[in-house]
PDB file of N, CA and C in Angstrom:
ATOM      1  N   LEU A   1     216.288-138.100   2.581  1.00  0.00           N
ATOM      2  CA  LEU A   1     217.011-137.697   3.775  1.00  0.00           C
ATOM      3  C   LEU A   1     217.494-138.899   4.565  1.00  0.00           C
ATOM      4  N   GLN A   2     216.719-139.989   4.513  1.00  0.00           N
ATOM      5  CA  GLN A   2     217.139-141.175   5.257  1.00  0.00           C
ATOM      6  C   GLN A   2     218.441-141.721   4.677  1.00  0.00           C
ATOM      7  N   TRP A   3     218.624-141.598   3.366  1.00  0.00           N
ATOM      8  CA  TRP A   3     219.865-142.057   2.735  1.00  0.00           C
ATOM      9  C   TRP A   3     221.053-141.266   3.256  1.00  0.00           C
ATOM     10  N   LEU A   4     220.888-139.964   3.469  1.00  0.00           N
ATOM     11  CA  LEU A   4     221.981-139.142   3.975  1.00  0.00           C
ATOM     12  C   LEU A   4     222.309-139.456   5.425  1.00  0.00           C
ATOM     13  N   ARG A   5     221.293-139.861   6.204  1.00  0.00           N
ATOM     14  CA  ARG A   5     221.519-140.203   7.614  1.00  0.00           C
ATOM     15  C   ARG A   5     222.033-141.621   7.792  1.00  0.00           C
ATOM     16  N   ASN A   6     221.891-142.457   6.773  1.00  0.00           N
ATOM     17  CA  ASN A   6     222.318-143.843   6.842  1.00  0.00           C
ATOM     18  C   ASN A   6     223.839-143.903   7.020  1.00  0.00           C
ATOM     19  N   PRO A   7     224.322-144.699   7.969  1.00  0.00           N
ATOM     20  CA  PRO A   7     225.772-144.758   8.187  1.00  0.00           C
ATOM     21  C   PRO A   7     226.491-145.627   7.164  1.00  0.00           C
ATOM     22  N   GLY A   8     226.024-145.629   5.933  1.00  0.00           N
ATOM     23  CA  GLY A   8     226.621-146.433   4.877  1.00  0.00           C
ATOM     24  C   GLY A   8     227.903-145.822   4.346  1.00  0.00           C
ATOM     25  N   PRO A   9     228.226-146.123   3.105  1.00  0.00           N
ATOM     26  CA  PRO A   9     229.484-145.641   2.515  1.00  0.00           C
ATOM     27  C   PRO A   9     229.548-144.107   2.464  1.00  0.00           C
ATOM     28  N   GLN A  10     230.588-143.557   3.071  1.00  0.00           N
ATOM     29  CA  GLN A  10     230.758-142.104   3.097  1.00  0.00           C
ATOM     30  C   GLN A  10     231.223-141.573   1.741  1.00  0.00           C
ATOM     31  N   HIS A  11     231.840-142.428   0.937  1.00  0.00           N
ATOM     32  CA  HIS A  11     232.325-142.009  -0.376  1.00  0.00           C
ATOM     33  C   HIS A  11     231.181-141.495  -1.246  1.00  0.00           C
ATOM     34  N   GLU A  12     230.043-142.181  -1.216  1.00  0.00           N
ATOM     35  CA  GLU A  12     228.902-141.786  -2.028  1.00  0.00           C
ATOM     36  C   GLU A  12     228.350-140.435  -1.573  1.00  0.00           C
ATOM     37  N   LYS A  13     228.335-140.198  -0.287  1.00  0.00           N
ATOM     38  CA  LYS A  13     227.830-138.918   0.229  1.00  0.00           C
ATOM     39  C   LYS A  13     228.782-137.778  -0.107  1.00  0.00           C
ATOM     40  N   ARG A  14     230.085-138.035  -0.020  1.00  0.00           N
ATOM     41  CA  ARG A  14     231.067-137.004  -0.391  1.00  0.00           C
ATOM     42  C   ARG A  14     230.963-136.682  -1.873  1.00  0.00           C
ATOM     43  N   THR A  15     230.746-137.705  -2.691  1.00  0.00           N
ATOM     44  CA  THR A  15     230.605-137.489  -4.127  1.00  0.00           C
ATOM     45  C   THR A  15     229.374-136.647  -4.426  1.00  0.00           C
ATOM     46  N   LEU A  16     228.261-136.939  -3.758  1.00  0.00           N
ATOM     47  CA  LEU A  16     227.041-136.160  -3.954  1.00  0.00           C
ATOM     48  C   LEU A  16     227.260-134.710  -3.531  1.00  0.00           C
ATOM     49  N   PHE A  17     227.862-134.506  -2.380  1.00  0.00           N
ATOM     50  CA  PHE A  17     228.113-133.149  -1.896  1.00  0.00           C
ATOM     51  C   PHE A  17     229.054-132.404  -2.848  1.00  0.00           C
ATOM     52  N   GLY A  18     230.108-133.072  -3.289  1.00  0.00           N
ATOM     53  CA  GLY A  18     231.046-132.446  -4.223  1.00  0.00           C
ATOM     54  C   GLY A  18     230.385-132.082  -5.538  1.00  0.00           C
ATOM     55  N   ASP A  19     229.541-132.970  -6.055  1.00  0.00           N
ATOM     56  CA  ASP A  19     228.854-132.674  -7.307  1.00  0.00           C
ATOM     57  C   ASP A  19     227.860-131.529  -7.148  1.00  0.00           C
ATOM     58  N   MET A  20     227.213-131.445  -5.993  1.00  0.00           N
ATOM     59  CA  MET A  20     226.286-130.334  -5.758  1.00  0.00           C
ATOM     60  C   MET A  20     227.038-129.005  -5.706  1.00  0.00           C
ATOM     61  N   VAL A  21     228.184-128.981  -5.039  1.00  0.00           N
ATOM     62  CA  VAL A  21     228.989-127.758  -4.969  1.00  0.00           C
ATOM     63  C   VAL A  21     229.480-127.374  -6.365  1.00  0.00           C
ATOM     64  N   CYS A  22     229.969-128.358  -7.113  1.00  0.00           N
ATOM     65  CA  CYS A  22     230.426-128.083  -8.487  1.00  0.00           C
ATOM     66  C   CYS A  22     229.283-127.553  -9.346  1.00  0.00           C
ATOM     67  N   PHE A  23     228.111-128.146  -9.205  1.00  0.00           N
ATOM     68  CA  PHE A  23     226.960-127.695  -9.986  1.00  0.00           C
ATOM     69  C   PHE A  23     226.619-126.242  -9.653  1.00  0.00           C
ATOM     70  N   LEU A  24     226.665-125.901  -8.361  1.00  0.00           N
ATOM     71  CA  LEU A  24     226.335-124.529  -7.959  1.00  0.00           C
ATOM     72  C   LEU A  24     227.371-123.519  -8.456  1.00  0.00           C
ATOM     73  N   PHE A  25     228.625-123.917  -8.601  1.00  0.00           N
ATOM     74  CA  PHE A  25     229.649-123.006  -9.108  1.00  0.00           C
ATOM     75  C   PHE A  25     229.720-123.000 -10.637  1.00  0.00           C
ATOM     76  N   ILE A  26     229.598-124.171 -11.253  1.00  0.00           N
ATOM     77  CA  ILE A  26     229.778-124.278 -12.694  1.00  0.00           C
ATOM     78  C   ILE A  26     228.593-123.707 -13.467  1.00  0.00           C
ATOM     79  N   THR A  27     227.378-123.831 -12.943  1.00  0.00           N
ATOM     80  CA  THR A  27     226.204-123.339 -13.664  1.00  0.00           C
ATOM     81  C   THR A  27     226.283-121.838 -13.954  1.00  0.00           C
ATOM     82  N   PRO A  28     226.530-120.984 -12.940  1.00  0.00           N
ATOM     83  CA  PRO A  28     226.635-119.558 -13.282  1.00  0.00           C
ATOM     84  C   PRO A  28     227.850-119.246 -14.154  1.00  0.00           C
ATOM     85  N   LEU A  29     228.958-119.951 -13.927  1.00  0.00           N
ATOM     86  CA  LEU A  29     230.147-119.706 -14.750  1.00  0.00           C
ATOM     87  C   LEU A  29     229.906-120.082 -16.211  1.00  0.00           C
ATOM     88  N   ALA A  30     229.252-121.203 -16.442  1.00  0.00           N
ATOM     89  CA  ALA A  30     228.956-121.621 -17.814  1.00  0.00           C
ATOM     90  C   ALA A  30     227.970-120.662 -18.467  1.00  0.00           C
ATOM     91  N   THR A  31     227.005-120.195 -17.717  1.00  0.00           N
ATOM     92  CA  THR A  31     226.026-119.257 -18.258  1.00  0.00           C
ATOM     93  C   THR A  31     226.693-117.937 -18.656  1.00  0.00           C
ATOM     94  N   ILE A  32     227.495-117.399 -17.760  1.00  0.00           N
ATOM     95  CA  ILE A  32     228.176-116.132 -18.044  1.00  0.00           C
ATOM     96  C   ILE A  32     229.161-116.289 -19.199  1.00  0.00           C
ATOM     97  N   SER A  33     229.910-117.387 -19.199  1.00  0.00           N
ATOM     98  CA  SER A  33     230.875-117.620 -20.283  1.00  0.00           C
ATOM     99  C   SER A  33     230.178-117.758 -21.630  1.00  0.00           C
ATOM    100  N   GLY A  34     229.089-118.495 -21.650  1.00  0.00           N
ATOM    101  CA  GLY A  34     228.331-118.650 -22.896  1.00  0.00           C
ATOM    102  C   GLY A  34     227.770-117.334 -23.377  1.00  0.00           C
ATOM    103  N   TRP A  35     227.252-116.540 -22.455  1.00  0.00           N
ATOM    104  CA  TRP A  35     226.699-115.235 -22.826  1.00  0.00           C
ATOM    105  C   TRP A  35     227.799-114.321 -23.385  1.00  0.00           C
ATOM    106  N   LEU A  36     228.963-114.311 -22.724  1.00  0.00           N
ATOM    107  CA  LEU A  36     230.073-113.486 -23.200  1.00  0.00           C
ATOM    108  C   LEU A  36     230.566-113.926 -24.580  1.00  0.00           C
ATOM    109  N   CYS A  37     230.640-115.241 -24.786  1.00  0.00           N
ATOM    110  CA  CYS A  37     231.055-115.745 -26.100  1.00  0.00           C
ATOM    111  C   CYS A  37     230.065-115.330 -27.179  1.00  0.00           C
ATOM    112  N   LEU A  38     228.775-115.447 -26.875  1.00  0.00           N
ATOM    113  CA  LEU A  38     227.775-115.060 -27.876  1.00  0.00           C
ATOM    114  C   LEU A  38     227.781-113.556 -28.134  1.00  0.00           C
ATOM    115  N   ARG A  39     227.977-112.758 -27.093  1.00  0.00           N
ATOM    116  CA  ARG A  39     228.074-111.294 -27.281  1.00  0.00           C
ATOM    117  C   ARG A  39     229.290-110.959 -28.142  1.00  0.00           C
ATOM    118  N   GLY A  40     230.402-111.623 -27.875  1.00  0.00           N
ATOM    119  CA  GLY A  40     231.585-111.411 -28.700  1.00  0.00           C
ATOM    120  C   GLY A  40     231.360-111.821 -30.135  1.00  0.00           C
ATOM    121  N   ALA A  41     230.630-112.910 -30.335  1.00  0.00           N
ATOM    122  CA  ALA A  41     230.339-113.373 -31.696  1.00  0.00           C
ATOM    123  C   ALA A  41     229.477-112.351 -32.432  1.00  0.00           C
ATOM    124  N   VAL A  42     228.490-111.793 -31.755  1.00  0.00           N
ATOM    125  CA  VAL A  42     227.629-110.774 -32.375  1.00  0.00           C
ATOM    126  C   VAL A  42     228.450-109.540 -32.725  1.00  0.00           C
ATOM    127  N   ASP A  43     229.314-109.120 -31.814  1.00  0.00           N
ATOM    128  CA  ASP A  43     230.164-107.958 -32.091  1.00  0.00           C
ATOM    129  C   ASP A  43     231.095-108.218 -33.269  1.00  0.00           C
ATOM    130  N   HIS A  44     231.666-109.400 -33.340  1.00  0.00           N
ATOM    131  CA  HIS A  44     232.562-109.730 -34.448  1.00  0.00           C
ATOM    132  C   HIS A  44     231.806-109.820 -35.774  1.00  0.00           C
ATOM    133  N   LEU A  45     230.560-110.262 -35.738  1.00  0.00           N
ATOM    134  CA  LEU A  45     229.770-110.309 -36.973  1.00  0.00           C
ATOM    135  C   LEU A  45     229.511-108.900 -37.502  1.00  0.00           C
ATOM    136  N   HIS A  46     229.283-107.950 -36.590  1.00  0.00           N
ATOM    137  CA  HIS A  46     228.971-106.591 -37.026  1.00  0.00           C
ATOM    138  C   HIS A  46     230.207-105.776 -37.395  1.00  0.00           C
ATOM    139  N   PHE A  47     231.290-105.960 -36.649  1.00  0.00           N
ATOM    140  CA  PHE A  47     232.430-105.062 -36.824  1.00  0.00           C
ATOM    141  C   PHE A  47     233.675-105.710 -37.414  1.00  0.00           C
ATOM    142  N   SER A  48     233.825-106.975 -37.330  1.00  0.00           N
ATOM    143  CA  SER A  48     235.098-107.571 -37.725  1.00  0.00           C
ATOM    144  C   SER A  48     234.874-108.847 -38.517  1.00  0.00           C
ATOM    145  N   SER A  49     235.737-109.812 -38.345  1.00  0.00           N
ATOM    146  CA  SER A  49     235.715-111.000 -39.206  1.00  0.00           C
ATOM    147  C   SER A  49     234.662-112.013 -38.774  1.00  0.00           C
ATOM    148  N   ARG A  50     234.161-112.692 -39.780  1.00  0.00           N
ATOM    149  CA  ARG A  50     233.172-113.754 -39.530  1.00  0.00           C
ATOM    150  C   ARG A  50     233.852-115.000 -38.959  1.00  0.00           C
ATOM    151  N   LEU A  51     235.099-115.200 -39.278  1.00  0.00           N
ATOM    152  CA  LEU A  51     235.811-116.384 -38.800  1.00  0.00           C
ATOM    153  C   LEU A  51     235.908-116.390 -37.271  1.00  0.00           C
ATOM    154  N   GLU A  52     236.197-115.242 -36.686  1.00  0.00           N
ATOM    155  CA  GLU A  52     236.250-115.164 -35.215  1.00  0.00           C
ATOM    156  C   GLU A  52     234.870-115.372 -34.606  1.00  0.00           C
ATOM    157  N   ALA A  53     233.840-114.871 -35.266  1.00  0.00           N
ATOM    158  CA  ALA A  53     232.465-115.052 -34.770  1.00  0.00           C
ATOM    159  C   ALA A  53     232.080-116.530 -34.791  1.00  0.00           C
ATOM    160  N   VAL A  54     232.429-117.215 -35.878  1.00  0.00           N
ATOM    161  CA  VAL A  54     232.142-118.655 -35.967  1.00  0.00           C
ATOM    162  C   VAL A  54     232.924-119.415 -34.899  1.00  0.00           C
ATOM    163  N   GLY A  55     234.154-119.022 -34.638  1.00  0.00           N
ATOM    164  CA  GLY A  55     234.952-119.657 -33.583  1.00  0.00           C
ATOM    165  C   GLY A  55     234.336-119.472 -32.204  1.00  0.00           C
ATOM    166  N   LEU A  56     233.822-118.263 -31.934  1.00  0.00           N
ATOM    167  CA  LEU A  56     233.172-118.018 -30.631  1.00  0.00           C
ATOM    168  C   LEU A  56     231.870-118.801 -30.503  1.00  0.00           C
ATOM    169  N   ILE A  57     231.135-118.912 -31.576  1.00  0.00           N
ATOM    170  CA  ILE A  57     229.901-119.705 -31.543  1.00  0.00           C
ATOM    171  C   ILE A  57     230.233-121.179 -31.319  1.00  0.00           C
ATOM    172  N   ALA A  58     231.265-121.683 -31.983  1.00  0.00           N
ATOM    173  CA  ALA A  58     231.694-123.075 -31.779  1.00  0.00           C
ATOM    174  C   ALA A  58     232.160-123.288 -30.344  1.00  0.00           C
ATOM    175  N   LEU A  59     232.847-122.305 -29.791  1.00  0.00           N
ATOM    176  CA  LEU A  59     233.281-122.390 -28.397  1.00  0.00           C
ATOM    177  C   LEU A  59     232.082-122.449 -27.447  1.00  0.00           C
ATOM    178  N   THR A  60     231.060-121.654 -27.722  1.00  0.00           N
ATOM    179  CA  THR A  60     229.840-121.663 -26.901  1.00  0.00           C
ATOM    180  C   THR A  60     229.142-123.012 -26.977  1.00  0.00           C
ATOM    181  N   VAL A  61     229.034-123.552 -28.170  1.00  0.00           N
ATOM    182  CA  VAL A  61     228.386-124.862 -28.349  1.00  0.00           C
ATOM    183  C   VAL A  61     229.177-125.944 -27.611  1.00  0.00           C
ATOM    184  N   ALA A  62     230.491-125.906 -27.720  1.00  0.00           N
ATOM    185  CA  ALA A  62     231.323-126.899 -27.016  1.00  0.00           C
ATOM    186  C   ALA A  62     231.179-126.756 -25.509  1.00  0.00           C
ATOM    187  N   LEU A  63     231.162-125.528 -25.027  1.00  0.00           N
ATOM    188  CA  LEU A  63     231.027-125.275 -23.588  1.00  0.00           C
ATOM    189  C   LEU A  63     229.720-125.846 -23.047  1.00  0.00           C
ATOM    190  N   PHE A  64     228.616-125.540 -23.721  1.00  0.00           N
ATOM    191  CA  PHE A  64     227.331-126.031 -23.243  1.00  0.00           C
ATOM    192  C   PHE A  64     227.174-127.536 -23.440  1.00  0.00           C
ATOM    193  N   THR A  65     227.783-128.092 -24.466  1.00  0.00           N
ATOM    194  CA  THR A  65     227.736-129.546 -24.658  1.00  0.00           C
ATOM    195  C   THR A  65     228.455-130.264 -23.525  1.00  0.00           C
ATOM    196  N   ILE A  66     229.621-129.777 -23.166  1.00  0.00           N
ATOM    197  CA  ILE A  66     230.370-130.380 -22.053  1.00  0.00           C
ATOM    198  C   ILE A  66     229.615-130.218 -20.744  1.00  0.00           C
ATOM    199  N   TYR A  67     229.035-129.040 -20.521  1.00  0.00           N
ATOM    200  CA  TYR A  67     228.271-128.792 -19.293  1.00  0.00           C
ATOM    201  C   TYR A  67     227.067-129.731 -19.200  1.00  0.00           C
ATOM    202  N   LEU A  68     226.303-129.846 -20.273  1.00  0.00           N
ATOM    203  CA  LEU A  68     225.135-130.733 -20.262  1.00  0.00           C
ATOM    204  C   LEU A  68     225.536-132.189 -20.097  1.00  0.00           C
ATOM    205  N   PHE A  69     226.616-132.593 -20.764  1.00  0.00           N
ATOM    206  CA  PHE A  69     227.092-133.971 -20.628  1.00  0.00           C
ATOM    207  C   PHE A  69     227.468-134.261 -19.173  1.00  0.00           C
ATOM    208  N   TRP A  70     228.231-133.369 -18.542  1.00  0.00           N
ATOM    209  CA  TRP A  70     228.627-133.570 -17.142  1.00  0.00           C
ATOM    210  C   TRP A  70     227.402-133.619 -16.233  1.00  0.00           C
ATOM    211  N   THR A  71     226.451-132.720 -16.455  1.00  0.00           N
ATOM    212  CA  THR A  71     225.245-132.680 -15.621  1.00  0.00           C
ATOM    213  C   THR A  71     224.451-133.976 -15.750  1.00  0.00           C
ATOM    214  N   LEU A  72     224.254-134.443 -16.963  1.00  0.00           N
ATOM    215  CA  LEU A  72     223.468-135.663 -17.166  1.00  0.00           C
ATOM    216  C   LEU A  72     224.172-136.898 -16.602  1.00  0.00           C
ATOM    217  N   VAL A  73     225.475-136.999 -16.799  1.00  0.00           N
ATOM    218  CA  VAL A  73     226.222-138.150 -16.276  1.00  0.00           C
ATOM    219  C   VAL A  73     226.200-138.141 -14.754  1.00  0.00           C
ATOM    220  N   SER A  74     226.394-136.992 -14.151  1.00  0.00           N
ATOM    221  CA  SER A  74     226.388-136.881 -12.696  1.00  0.00           C
ATOM    222  C   SER A  74     225.008-137.213 -12.129  1.00  0.00           C
ATOM    223  N   PHE A  75     223.964-136.666 -12.744  1.00  0.00           N
ATOM    224  CA  PHE A  75     222.602-136.929 -12.285  1.00  0.00           C
ATOM    225  C   PHE A  75     222.258-138.407 -12.417  1.00  0.00           C
ATOM    226  N   ARG A  76     222.629-139.007 -13.535  1.00  0.00           N
ATOM    227  CA  ARG A  76     222.350-140.433 -13.752  1.00  0.00           C
ATOM    228  C   ARG A  76     223.084-141.294 -12.725  1.00  0.00           C
ATOM    229  N   TYR A  77     224.332-140.942 -12.416  1.00  0.00           N
ATOM    230  CA  TYR A  77     225.115-141.685 -11.436  1.00  0.00           C
ATOM    231  C   TYR A  77     224.460-141.645 -10.058  1.00  0.00           C
ATOM    232  N   HIS A  78     224.027-140.465  -9.635  1.00  0.00           N
ATOM    233  CA  HIS A  78     223.420-140.352  -8.311  1.00  0.00           C
ATOM    234  C   HIS A  78     222.037-141.000  -8.254  1.00  0.00           C
ATOM    235  N   CYS A  79     221.296-140.955  -9.338  1.00  0.00           N
ATOM    236  CA  CYS A  79     220.010-141.669  -9.381  1.00  0.00           C
ATOM    237  C   CYS A  79     220.225-143.175  -9.286  1.00  0.00           C
ATOM    238  N   ARG A  80     221.257-143.670  -9.961  1.00  0.00           N
ATOM    239  CA  ARG A  80     221.565-145.108  -9.893  1.00  0.00           C
ATOM    240  C   ARG A  80     221.959-145.518  -8.479  1.00  0.00           C
ATOM    241  N   LEU A  81     222.780-144.701  -7.826  1.00  0.00           N
ATOM    242  CA  LEU A  81     223.158-144.995  -6.440  1.00  0.00           C
ATOM    243  C   LEU A  81     221.953-144.994  -5.520  1.00  0.00           C
ATOM    244  N   TYR A  82     221.071-144.019  -5.701  1.00  0.00           N
ATOM    245  CA  TYR A  82     219.881-143.928  -4.855  1.00  0.00           C
ATOM    246  C   TYR A  82     218.956-145.128  -5.084  1.00  0.00           C
ATOM    247  N   ASN A  83     218.746-145.510  -6.334  1.00  0.00           N
ATOM    248  CA  ASN A  83     217.883-146.670  -6.619  1.00  0.00           C
ATOM    249  C   ASN A  83     218.481-147.957  -6.066  1.00  0.00           C
ATOM    250  N   GLU A  84     219.793-148.092  -6.150  1.00  0.00           N
ATOM    251  CA  GLU A  84     220.456-149.269  -5.580  1.00  0.00           C
ATOM    252  C   GLU A  84     220.305-149.284  -4.063  1.00  0.00           C
ATOM    253  N   TRP A  85     220.443-148.128  -3.446  1.00  0.00           N
ATOM    254  CA  TRP A  85     220.266-148.034  -1.992  1.00  0.00           C
ATOM    255  C   TRP A  85     218.838-148.388  -1.604  1.00  0.00           C
ATOM    256  N   ARG A  86     217.847-147.896  -2.344  1.00  0.00           N
ATOM    257  CA  ARG A  86     216.451-148.215  -2.040  1.00  0.00           C
ATOM    258  C   ARG A  86     216.178-149.707  -2.172  1.00  0.00           C
ATOM    259  N   ARG A  87     216.809-150.339  -3.160  1.00  0.00           N
ATOM    260  CA  ARG A  87     216.583-151.767  -3.381  1.00  0.00           C
ATOM    261  C   ARG A  87     217.205-152.613  -2.279  1.00  0.00           C
ATOM    262  N   THR A  88     218.344-152.197  -1.756  1.00  0.00           N
ATOM    263  CA  THR A  88     219.047-153.012  -0.767  1.00  0.00           C
ATOM    264  C   THR A  88     218.753-152.632   0.678  1.00  0.00           C
ATOM    265  N   ASN A  89     218.059-151.532   0.926  1.00  0.00           N
ATOM    266  CA  ASN A  89     217.788-151.088   2.301  1.00  0.00           C
ATOM    267  C   ASN A  89     216.305-150.967   2.573  1.00  0.00           C
ATOM    268  N   GLN A  90     215.605-152.045   2.325  1.00  0.00           N
ATOM    269  CA  GLN A  90     214.168-152.039   2.608  1.00  0.00           C
ATOM    270  C   GLN A  90     213.934-152.672   3.968  1.00  0.00           C
ATOM    271  N   ARG A  91     213.398-151.890   4.861  1.00  0.00           N
ATOM    272  CA  ARG A  91     213.060-152.388   6.194  1.00  0.00           C
ATOM    273  C   ARG A  91     211.581-152.142   6.429  1.00  0.00           C
ATOM    274  N   VAL A  92     210.851-153.216   6.602  1.00  0.00           N
ATOM    275  CA  VAL A  92     209.407-153.113   6.760  1.00  0.00           C
ATOM    276  C   VAL A  92     208.992-153.913   7.978  1.00  0.00           C
ATOM    277  N   ILE A  93     208.137-153.320   8.807  1.00  0.00           N
ATOM    278  CA  ILE A  93     207.553-154.018   9.957  1.00  0.00           C
ATOM    279  C   ILE A  93     206.056-154.109   9.704  1.00  0.00           C
ATOM    280  N   LEU A  94     205.536-155.288   9.816  1.00  0.00           N
ATOM    281  CA  LEU A  94     204.111-155.487   9.637  1.00  0.00           C
ATOM    282  C   LEU A  94     203.453-155.467  11.008  1.00  0.00           C
ATOM    283  N   LEU A  95     202.586-154.507  11.250  1.00  0.00           N
ATOM    284  CA  LEU A  95     201.881-154.425  12.516  1.00  0.00           C
ATOM    285  C   LEU A  95     200.621-155.280  12.436  1.00  0.00           C
ATOM    286  N   ILE A  96     200.425-156.095  13.451  1.00  0.00           N
ATOM    287  CA  ILE A  96     199.284-156.984  13.484  1.00  0.00           C
ATOM    288  C   ILE A  96     198.084-156.197  14.008  1.00  0.00           C
ATOM    289  N   PRO A  97     196.968-156.192  13.268  1.00  0.00           N
ATOM    290  CA  PRO A  97     195.793-155.451  13.744  1.00  0.00           C
ATOM    291  C   PRO A  97     195.205-156.102  14.985  1.00  0.00           C
ATOM    292  N   LYS A  98     194.534-155.299  15.769  1.00  0.00           N
ATOM    293  CA  LYS A  98     193.911-155.818  16.986  1.00  0.00           C
ATOM    294  C   LYS A  98     192.844-156.840  16.613  1.00  0.00           C
ATOM    295  N   SER A  99     192.863-157.965  17.318  1.00  0.00           N
ATOM    296  CA  SER A  99     191.854-158.989  17.068  1.00  0.00           C
ATOM    297  C   SER A  99     191.275-159.446  18.397  1.00  0.00           C
ATOM    298  N   ALA A 100     190.211-160.145  18.313  1.00  0.00           N
ATOM    299  CA  ALA A 100     189.522-160.588  19.529  1.00  0.00           C
ATOM    300  C   ALA A 100     190.269-161.732  20.201  1.00  0.00           C
ATOM    301  N   ASN A 101     191.138-162.456  19.484  1.00  0.00           N
ATOM    302  CA  ASN A 101     191.824-163.622  20.021  1.00  0.00           C
ATOM    303  C   ASN A 101     192.974-163.251  20.954  1.00  0.00           C
ATOM    304  N   ILE A 102     193.643-162.147  20.706  1.00  0.00           N
ATOM    305  CA  ILE A 102     194.802-161.767  21.508  1.00  0.00           C
ATOM    306  C   ILE A 102     194.397-160.633  22.444  1.00  0.00           C
ATOM    307  N   PRO A 103     194.673-160.799  23.726  1.00  0.00           N
ATOM    308  CA  PRO A 103     194.357-159.698  24.645  1.00  0.00           C
ATOM    309  C   PRO A 103     195.148-158.443  24.260  1.00  0.00           C
ATOM    310  N   SER A 104     194.553-157.288  24.491  1.00  0.00           N
ATOM    311  CA  SER A 104     195.146-156.025  24.024  1.00  0.00           C
ATOM    312  C   SER A 104     196.497-155.741  24.680  1.00  0.00           C
ATOM    313  N   ASN A 105     196.703-156.168  25.945  1.00  0.00           N
ATOM    314  CA  ASN A 105     197.991-155.888  26.580  1.00  0.00           C
ATOM    315  C   ASN A 105     199.112-156.711  25.954  1.00  0.00           C
ATOM    316  N   GLN A 106     198.832-157.951  25.525  1.00  0.00           N
ATOM    317  CA  GLN A 106     199.855-158.761  24.853  1.00  0.00           C
ATOM    318  C   GLN A 106     200.170-158.205  23.467  1.00  0.00           C
ATOM    319  N   GLN A 107     199.144-157.736  22.772  1.00  0.00           N
ATOM    320  CA  GLN A 107     199.362-157.200  21.435  1.00  0.00           C
ATOM    321  C   GLN A 107     200.167-155.896  21.503  1.00  0.00           C
ATOM    322  N   SER A 108     199.873-155.038  22.442  1.00  0.00           N
ATOM    323  CA  SER A 108     200.641-153.798  22.552  1.00  0.00           C
ATOM    324  C   SER A 108     202.090-154.097  22.930  1.00  0.00           C
ATOM    325  N   LEU A 109     202.308-155.166  23.720  1.00  0.00           N
ATOM    326  CA  LEU A 109     203.665-155.571  24.064  1.00  0.00           C
ATOM    327  C   LEU A 109     204.416-156.043  22.819  1.00  0.00           C
ATOM    328  N   LEU A 110     203.752-156.788  21.933  1.00  0.00           N
ATOM    329  CA  LEU A 110     204.365-157.225  20.681  1.00  0.00           C
ATOM    330  C   LEU A 110     204.743-156.034  19.802  1.00  0.00           C
ATOM    331  N   VAL A 111     203.868-155.055  19.713  1.00  0.00           N
ATOM    332  CA  VAL A 111     204.131-153.881  18.893  1.00  0.00           C
ATOM    333  C   VAL A 111     205.300-153.097  19.461  1.00  0.00           C
ATOM    334  N   LEU A 112     205.351-152.908  20.783  1.00  0.00           N
ATOM    335  CA  LEU A 112     206.450-152.154  21.395  1.00  0.00           C
ATOM    336  C   LEU A 112     207.785-152.863  21.197  1.00  0.00           C
ATOM    337  N   GLN A 113     207.790-154.190  21.299  1.00  0.00           N
ATOM    338  CA  GLN A 113     209.031-154.930  21.082  1.00  0.00           C
ATOM    339  C   GLN A 113     209.519-154.773  19.648  1.00  0.00           C
ATOM    340  N   SER A 114     208.596-154.795  18.708  1.00  0.00           N
ATOM    341  CA  SER A 114     209.008-154.662  17.308  1.00  0.00           C
ATOM    342  C   SER A 114     209.470-153.242  17.011  1.00  0.00           C
ATOM    343  N   LEU A 115     208.899-152.238  17.651  1.00  0.00           N
ATOM    344  CA  LEU A 115     209.321-150.855  17.430  1.00  0.00           C
ATOM    345  C   LEU A 115     210.680-150.573  18.042  1.00  0.00           C
ATOM    346  N   LYS A 116     211.015-151.241  19.150  1.00  0.00           N
ATOM    347  CA  LYS A 116     212.288-151.008  19.819  1.00  0.00           C
ATOM    348  C   LYS A 116     213.452-151.618  19.060  1.00  0.00           C
ATOM    349  N   ARG A 117     213.182-152.545  18.149  1.00  0.00           N
ATOM    350  CA  ARG A 117     214.251-153.213  17.426  1.00  0.00           C
ATOM    351  C   ARG A 117     215.120-152.241  16.637  1.00  0.00           C
ATOM    352  N   ASN A 118     214.504-151.444  15.820  1.00  0.00           N
ATOM    353  CA  ASN A 118     215.282-150.526  14.992  1.00  0.00           C
ATOM    354  C   ASN A 118     214.389-149.340  14.624  1.00  0.00           C
ATOM    355  N   SER A 119     214.812-148.151  15.023  1.00  0.00           N
ATOM    356  CA  SER A 119     214.002-146.969  14.780  1.00  0.00           C
ATOM    357  C   SER A 119     214.019-146.551  13.313  1.00  0.00           C
ATOM    358  N   LYS A 120     214.929-147.104  12.500  1.00  0.00           N
ATOM    359  CA  LYS A 120     215.007-146.748  11.084  1.00  0.00           C
ATOM    360  C   LYS A 120     214.032-147.561  10.238  1.00  0.00           C
ATOM    361  N   GLU A 121     213.379-148.526  10.826  1.00  0.00           N
ATOM    362  CA  GLU A 121     212.497-149.383  10.051  1.00  0.00           C
ATOM    363  C   GLU A 121     211.199-148.665   9.737  1.00  0.00           C
ATOM    364  N   THR A 122     210.627-148.986   8.612  1.00  0.00           N
ATOM    365  CA  THR A 122     209.364-148.402   8.175  1.00  0.00           C
ATOM    366  C   THR A 122     208.214-149.214   8.736  1.00  0.00           C
ATOM    367  N   ILE A 123     207.237-148.543   9.304  1.00  0.00           N
ATOM    368  CA  ILE A 123     206.081-149.221   9.876  1.00  0.00           C
ATOM    369  C   ILE A 123     204.961-149.199   8.844  1.00  0.00           C
ATOM    370  N   VAL A 124     204.426-150.373   8.558  1.00  0.00           N
ATOM    371  CA  VAL A 124     203.352-150.490   7.564  1.00  0.00           C
ATOM    372  C   VAL A 124     202.092-150.937   8.264  1.00  0.00           C
TER     373      VAL A 124
END
């Protein structure tokens, strides 16, 4: 979620949103189309020519191959973008534990100053 809130490149976020919308529309369409092709192939095997049945089966295989290829390429692309973002956007603040040498009011002032710097930073 932090990646989506990051004011970085909007192109990557639009691509992710577009791919999610396409996935939500294409998945049911590919499923229904594949099912219809296979039903037609079964009907053609029982009542008509085997050549049309083989053509429908080949069409189903091609449809699902293209769908799986698109899904895997899209998923791999977004995983690569996310891993690159994680590698380049590491913000860590090291909090100093309370010790006897530093008075507690000075230490709390140091912690508050470091927290005010950037609210997106991770506190460790």
